[in-house]
Amino acid sequence: MRVYVAIETFQGIVNDAKVFMTEESATGAEKIWLQEQGITHQDARNCKADDGTSFFVRECELKP
């Protein structure tokens, strides 16, 4: 089974991690995070990332 892991970092430290069953749910969580952070374009996202604040989604295999 494939799952989608969403990781949020704050100042370079993992702030939150969530697992989603669908890609749509994970990207929806990413959109909410972007709105909460006031990020409306890629340059603003890159500036946040330079300070260690980021949100990313990775697809991975669910292991028993």
PDB file of N, CA and C in Angstrom:
ATOM      1  N   MET A   1       0.840  -1.179   0.000  1.00  0.00           N
ATOM      2  CA  MET A   1       0.000   0.000   0.000  1.00  0.00           C
ATOM      3  C   MET A   1       0.884   1.240   0.000  1.00  0.00           C
ATOM      4  N   ARG A   2       0.501   2.223  -0.776  1.00  0.00           N
ATOM      5  CA  ARG A   2       1.215   3.493  -0.842  1.00  0.00           C
ATOM      6  C   ARG A   2       0.493   4.511   0.040  1.00  0.00           C
ATOM      7  N   VAL A   3       1.262   5.316   0.759  1.00  0.00           N
ATOM      8  CA  VAL A   3       0.717   6.403   1.562  1.00  0.00           C
ATOM      9  C   VAL A   3       1.479   7.676   1.244  1.00  0.00           C
ATOM     10  N   TYR A   4       0.956   8.794   1.716  1.00  0.00           N
ATOM     11  CA  TYR A   4       1.566  10.100   1.461  1.00  0.00           C
ATOM     12  C   TYR A   4       1.869  10.747   2.810  1.00  0.00           C
ATOM     13  N   VAL A   5       3.134  11.033   3.026  1.00  0.00           N
ATOM     14  CA  VAL A   5       3.585  11.607   4.283  1.00  0.00           C
ATOM     15  C   VAL A   5       3.831  13.098   4.077  1.00  0.00           C
ATOM     16  N   ALA A   6       3.200  13.903   4.914  1.00  0.00           N
ATOM     17  CA  ALA A   6       3.370  15.356   4.859  1.00  0.00           C
ATOM     18  C   ALA A   6       4.207  15.774   6.068  1.00  0.00           C
ATOM     19  N   ILE A   7       5.302  16.461   5.796  1.00  0.00           N
ATOM     20  CA  ILE A   7       6.210  16.921   6.840  1.00  0.00           C
ATOM     21  C   ILE A   7       6.226  18.442   6.846  1.00  0.00           C
ATOM     22  N   GLU A   8       6.023  19.014   8.026  1.00  0.00           N
ATOM     23  CA  GLU A   8       6.117  20.460   8.205  1.00  0.00           C
ATOM     24  C   GLU A   8       7.328  20.743   9.085  1.00  0.00           C
ATOM     25  N   THR A   9       8.190  21.645   8.627  1.00  0.00           N
ATOM     26  CA  THR A   9       9.345  22.030   9.438  1.00  0.00           C
ATOM     27  C   THR A   9       9.215  23.497   9.846  1.00  0.00           C
ATOM     28  N   PHE A  10       9.779  23.808  10.993  1.00  0.00           N
ATOM     29  CA  PHE A  10       9.836  25.175  11.486  1.00  0.00           C
ATOM     30  C   PHE A  10      11.243  25.408  11.995  1.00  0.00           C
ATOM     31  N   GLN A  11      11.934  26.358  11.402  1.00  0.00           N
ATOM     32  CA  GLN A  11      13.324  26.676  11.715  1.00  0.00           C
ATOM     33  C   GLN A  11      14.205  25.429  11.641  1.00  0.00           C
ATOM     34  N   GLY A  12      13.932  24.600  10.629  1.00  0.00           N
ATOM     35  CA  GLY A  12      14.757  23.442  10.355  1.00  0.00           C
ATOM     36  C   GLY A  12      14.450  22.211  11.190  1.00  0.00           C
ATOM     37  N   ILE A  13      13.469  22.280  12.081  1.00  0.00           N
ATOM     38  CA  ILE A  13      13.114  21.154  12.947  1.00  0.00           C
ATOM     39  C   ILE A  13      11.726  20.662  12.549  1.00  0.00           C
ATOM     40  N   VAL A  14      11.544  19.333  12.535  1.00  0.00           N
ATOM     41  CA  VAL A  14      10.235  18.786  12.196  1.00  0.00           C
ATOM     42  C   VAL A  14       9.226  19.273  13.223  1.00  0.00           C
ATOM     43  N   ASN A  15       8.219  19.971  12.741  1.00  0.00           N
ATOM     44  CA  ASN A  15       7.177  20.533  13.589  1.00  0.00           C
ATOM     45  C   ASN A  15       5.951  19.624  13.630  1.00  0.00           C
ATOM     46  N   ASP A  16       5.673  18.942  12.509  1.00  0.00           N
ATOM     47  CA  ASP A  16       4.510  18.079  12.426  1.00  0.00           C
ATOM     48  C   ASP A  16       4.700  17.091  11.288  1.00  0.00           C
ATOM     49  N   ALA A  17       4.147  15.911  11.450  1.00  0.00           N
ATOM     50  CA  ALA A  17       4.168  14.895  10.400  1.00  0.00           C
ATOM     51  C   ALA A  17       2.804  14.221  10.382  1.00  0.00           C
ATOM     52  N   LYS A  18       2.256  14.067   9.194  1.00  0.00           N
ATOM     53  CA  LYS A  18       0.945  13.439   9.032  1.00  0.00           C
ATOM     54  C   LYS A  18       1.019  12.456   7.875  1.00  0.00           C
ATOM     55  N   VAL A  19       0.214  11.404   7.963  1.00  0.00           N
ATOM     56  CA  VAL A  19       0.149  10.399   6.909  1.00  0.00           C
ATOM     57  C   VAL A  19      -1.259  10.419   6.319  1.00  0.00           C
ATOM     58  N   PHE A  20      -1.322  10.407   4.989  1.00  0.00           N
ATOM     59  CA  PHE A  20      -2.593  10.435   4.274  1.00  0.00           C
ATOM     60  C   PHE A  20      -2.687   9.220   3.356  1.00  0.00           C
ATOM     61  N   MET A  21      -3.901   8.754   3.159  1.00  0.00           N
ATOM     62  CA  MET A  21      -4.109   7.602   2.286  1.00  0.00           C
ATOM     63  C   MET A  21      -4.149   7.983   0.816  1.00  0.00           C
ATOM     64  N   THR A  22      -4.483   9.254   0.523  1.00  0.00           N
ATOM     65  CA  THR A  22      -4.567   9.674  -0.872  1.00  0.00           C
ATOM     66  C   THR A  22      -3.704  10.908  -1.111  1.00  0.00           C
ATOM     67  N   GLU A  23      -3.257  11.029  -2.333  1.00  0.00           N
ATOM     68  CA  GLU A  23      -2.471  12.190  -2.725  1.00  0.00           C
ATOM     69  C   GLU A  23      -3.308  13.471  -2.622  1.00  0.00           C
ATOM     70  N   GLU A  24      -4.573  13.368  -2.945  1.00  0.00           N
ATOM     71  CA  GLU A  24      -5.458  14.530  -2.876  1.00  0.00           C
ATOM     72  C   GLU A  24      -5.567  15.079  -1.462  1.00  0.00           C
ATOM     73  N   SER A  25      -5.654  14.197  -0.482  1.00  0.00           N
ATOM     74  CA  SER A  25      -5.722  14.634   0.917  1.00  0.00           C
ATOM     75  C   SER A  25      -4.432  15.329   1.329  1.00  0.00           C
ATOM     76  N   ALA A  26      -3.311  14.779   0.923  1.00  0.00           N
ATOM     77  CA  ALA A  26      -2.012  15.361   1.273  1.00  0.00           C
ATOM     78  C   ALA A  26      -1.822  16.723   0.622  1.00  0.00           C
ATOM     79  N   THR A  27      -2.164  16.845  -0.645  1.00  0.00           N
ATOM     80  CA  THR A  27      -2.008  18.137  -1.316  1.00  0.00           C
ATOM     81  C   THR A  27      -3.017  19.152  -0.777  1.00  0.00           C
ATOM     82  N   GLY A  28      -4.176  18.675  -0.323  1.00  0.00           N
ATOM     83  CA  GLY A  28      -5.142  19.564   0.322  1.00  0.00           C
ATOM     84  C   GLY A  28      -4.576  20.136   1.613  1.00  0.00           C
ATOM     85  N   ALA A  29      -3.896  19.296   2.395  1.00  0.00           N
ATOM     86  CA  ALA A  29      -3.257  19.762   3.633  1.00  0.00           C
ATOM     87  C   ALA A  29      -2.160  20.774   3.313  1.00  0.00           C
ATOM     88  N   GLU A  30      -1.438  20.540   2.221  1.00  0.00           N
ATOM     89  CA  GLU A  30      -0.396  21.478   1.800  1.00  0.00           C
ATOM     90  C   GLU A  30      -1.005  22.829   1.433  1.00  0.00           C
ATOM     91  N   LYS A  31      -2.123  22.823   0.728  1.00  0.00           N
ATOM     92  CA  LYS A  31      -2.791  24.076   0.353  1.00  0.00           C
ATOM     93  C   LYS A  31      -3.246  24.850   1.584  1.00  0.00           C
ATOM     94  N   ILE A  32      -3.767  24.137   2.571  1.00  0.00           N
ATOM     95  CA  ILE A  32      -4.187  24.800   3.816  1.00  0.00           C
ATOM     96  C   ILE A  32      -2.984  25.422   4.505  1.00  0.00           C
ATOM     97  N   TRP A  33      -1.871  24.703   4.556  1.00  0.00           N
ATOM     98  CA  TRP A  33      -0.656  25.225   5.184  1.00  0.00           C
ATOM     99  C   TRP A  33      -0.180  26.480   4.458  1.00  0.00           C
ATOM    100  N   LEU A  34      -0.195  26.452   3.135  1.00  0.00           N
ATOM    101  CA  LEU A  34       0.228  27.620   2.363  1.00  0.00           C
ATOM    102  C   LEU A  34      -0.642  28.833   2.693  1.00  0.00           C
ATOM    103  N   GLN A  35      -1.947  28.628   2.802  1.00  0.00           N
ATOM    104  CA  GLN A  35      -2.855  29.721   3.153  1.00  0.00           C
ATOM    105  C   GLN A  35      -2.562  30.244   4.554  1.00  0.00           C
ATOM    106  N   GLU A  36      -2.357  29.338   5.498  1.00  0.00           N
ATOM    107  CA  GLU A  36      -2.067  29.737   6.878  1.00  0.00           C
ATOM    108  C   GLU A  36      -0.778  30.549   6.967  1.00  0.00           C
ATOM    109  N   GLN A  37       0.182  30.217   6.132  1.00  0.00           N
ATOM    110  CA  GLN A  37       1.473  30.907   6.135  1.00  0.00           C
ATOM    111  C   GLN A  37       1.443  32.187   5.307  1.00  0.00           C
ATOM    112  N   GLY A  38       0.370  32.399   4.577  1.00  0.00           N
ATOM    113  CA  GLY A  38       0.271  33.585   3.720  1.00  0.00           C
ATOM    114  C   GLY A  38       1.138  33.489   2.479  1.00  0.00           C
ATOM    115  N   ILE A  39       1.434  32.279   2.050  1.00  0.00           N
ATOM    116  CA  ILE A  39       2.279  32.053   0.873  1.00  0.00           C
ATOM    117  C   ILE A  39       1.389  31.971  -0.360  1.00  0.00           C
ATOM    118  N   THR A  40       1.630  32.874  -1.301  1.00  0.00           N
ATOM    119  CA  THR A  40       0.799  32.912  -2.503  1.00  0.00           C
ATOM    120  C   THR A  40       1.583  32.659  -3.785  1.00  0.00           C
ATOM    121  N   HIS A  41       2.921  32.599  -3.699  1.00  0.00           N
ATOM    122  CA  HIS A  41       3.720  32.326  -4.886  1.00  0.00           C
ATOM    123  C   HIS A  41       5.026  31.629  -4.496  1.00  0.00           C
ATOM    124  N   GLN A  42       5.699  31.070  -5.476  1.00  0.00           N
ATOM    125  CA  GLN A  42       6.890  30.249  -5.233  1.00  0.00           C
ATOM    126  C   GLN A  42       8.017  31.031  -4.574  1.00  0.00           C
ATOM    127  N   ASP A  43       8.194  32.303  -4.925  1.00  0.00           N
ATOM    128  CA  ASP A  43       9.259  33.104  -4.303  1.00  0.00           C
ATOM    129  C   ASP A  43       9.062  33.215  -2.795  1.00  0.00           C
ATOM    130  N   ALA A  44       7.819  33.413  -2.368  1.00  0.00           N
ATOM    131  CA  ALA A  44       7.523  33.498  -0.927  1.00  0.00           C
ATOM    132  C   ALA A  44       7.794  32.158  -0.249  1.00  0.00           C
ATOM    133  N   ARG A  45       7.475  31.068  -0.937  1.00  0.00           N
ATOM    134  CA  ARG A  45       7.739  29.740  -0.381  1.00  0.00           C
ATOM    135  C   ARG A  45       9.240  29.517  -0.240  1.00  0.00           C
ATOM    136  N   ASN A  46      10.009  29.949  -1.238  1.00  0.00           N
ATOM    137  CA  ASN A  46      11.461  29.799  -1.180  1.00  0.00           C
ATOM    138  C   ASN A  46      12.064  30.616  -0.034  1.00  0.00           C
ATOM    139  N   CYS A  47      11.532  31.814   0.206  1.00  0.00           N
ATOM    140  CA  CYS A  47      12.018  32.643   1.314  1.00  0.00           C
ATOM    141  C   CYS A  47      11.766  31.957   2.647  1.00  0.00           C
ATOM    142  N   LYS A  48      10.579  31.376   2.814  1.00  0.00           N
ATOM    143  CA  LYS A  48      10.273  30.631   4.042  1.00  0.00           C
ATOM    144  C   LYS A  48      11.228  29.450   4.199  1.00  0.00           C
ATOM    145  N   ALA A  49      11.472  28.749   3.107  1.00  0.00           N
ATOM    146  CA  ALA A  49      12.357  27.588   3.152  1.00  0.00           C
ATOM    147  C   ALA A  49      13.777  27.991   3.536  1.00  0.00           C
ATOM    148  N   ASP A  50      14.212  29.167   3.089  1.00  0.00           N
ATOM    149  CA  ASP A  50      15.545  29.655   3.460  1.00  0.00           C
ATOM    150  C   ASP A  50      15.678  29.833   4.969  1.00  0.00           C
ATOM    151  N   ASP A  51      14.547  30.110   5.641  1.00  0.00           N
ATOM    152  CA  ASP A  51      14.539  30.255   7.101  1.00  0.00           C
ATOM    153  C   ASP A  51      14.269  28.925   7.810  1.00  0.00           C
ATOM    154  N   GLY A  52      14.100  27.844   7.045  1.00  0.00           N
ATOM    155  CA  GLY A  52      13.880  26.532   7.639  1.00  0.00           C
ATOM    156  C   GLY A  52      12.424  26.174   7.853  1.00  0.00           C
ATOM    157  N   THR A  53      11.509  26.948   7.267  1.00  0.00           N
ATOM    158  CA  THR A  53      10.087  26.663   7.390  1.00  0.00           C
ATOM    159  C   THR A  53       9.597  26.112   6.059  1.00  0.00           C
ATOM    160  N   SER A  54       9.084  24.883   6.096  1.00  0.00           N
ATOM    161  CA  SER A  54       8.655  24.267   4.843  1.00  0.00           C
ATOM    162  C   SER A  54       7.587  23.214   5.087  1.00  0.00           C
ATOM    163  N   PHE A  55       6.974  22.785   4.010  1.00  0.00           N
ATOM    164  CA  PHE A  55       5.962  21.736   4.024  1.00  0.00           C
ATOM    165  C   PHE A  55       6.176  20.940   2.753  1.00  0.00           C
ATOM    166  N   PHE A  56       6.336  19.642   2.897  1.00  0.00           N
ATOM    167  CA  PHE A  56       6.500  18.828   1.704  1.00  0.00           C
ATOM    168  C   PHE A  56       5.812  17.490   1.877  1.00  0.00           C
ATOM    169  N   VAL A  57       5.453  16.899   0.754  1.00  0.00           N
ATOM    170  CA  VAL A  57       4.737  15.628   0.727  1.00  0.00           C
ATOM    171  C   VAL A  57       5.596  14.616  -0.018  1.00  0.00           C
ATOM    172  N   ARG A  58       5.706  13.420   0.558  1.00  0.00           N
ATOM    173  CA  ARG A  58       6.443  12.342  -0.090  1.00  0.00           C
ATOM    174  C   ARG A  58       5.572  11.098  -0.117  1.00  0.00           C
ATOM    175  N   GLU A  59       5.594  10.416  -1.234  1.00  0.00           N
ATOM    176  CA  GLU A  59       4.888   9.152  -1.379  1.00  0.00           C
ATOM    177  C   GLU A  59       5.815   8.044  -0.911  1.00  0.00           C
ATOM    178  N   CYS A  60       5.285   7.100  -0.145  1.00  0.00           N
ATOM    179  CA  CYS A  60       6.122   5.991   0.300  1.00  0.00           C
ATOM    180  C   CYS A  60       5.293   4.737   0.508  1.00  0.00           C
ATOM    181  N   GLU A  61       5.968   3.630   0.642  1.00  0.00           N
ATOM    182  CA  GLU A  61       5.335   2.337   0.855  1.00  0.00           C
ATOM    183  C   GLU A  61       5.043   2.167   2.342  1.00  0.00           C
ATOM    184  N   LEU A  62       3.829   1.723   2.659  1.00  0.00           N
ATOM    185  CA  LEU A  62       3.467   1.428   4.038  1.00  0.00           C
ATOM    186  C   LEU A  62       3.992   0.045   4.383  1.00  0.00           C
ATOM    187  N   LYS A  63       4.816  -0.022   5.400  1.00  0.00           N
ATOM    188  CA  LYS A  63       5.431  -1.290   5.805  1.00  0.00           C
ATOM    189  C   LYS A  63       4.654  -1.893   6.980  1.00  0.00           C
ATOM    190  N   PRO A  64       4.617  -3.224   7.058  1.00  0.00           N
ATOM    191  CA  PRO A  64       3.913  -3.857   8.183  1.00  0.00           C
ATOM    192  C   PRO A  64       4.654  -3.654   9.503  1.00  0.00           C
TER     193      PRO A  64
END
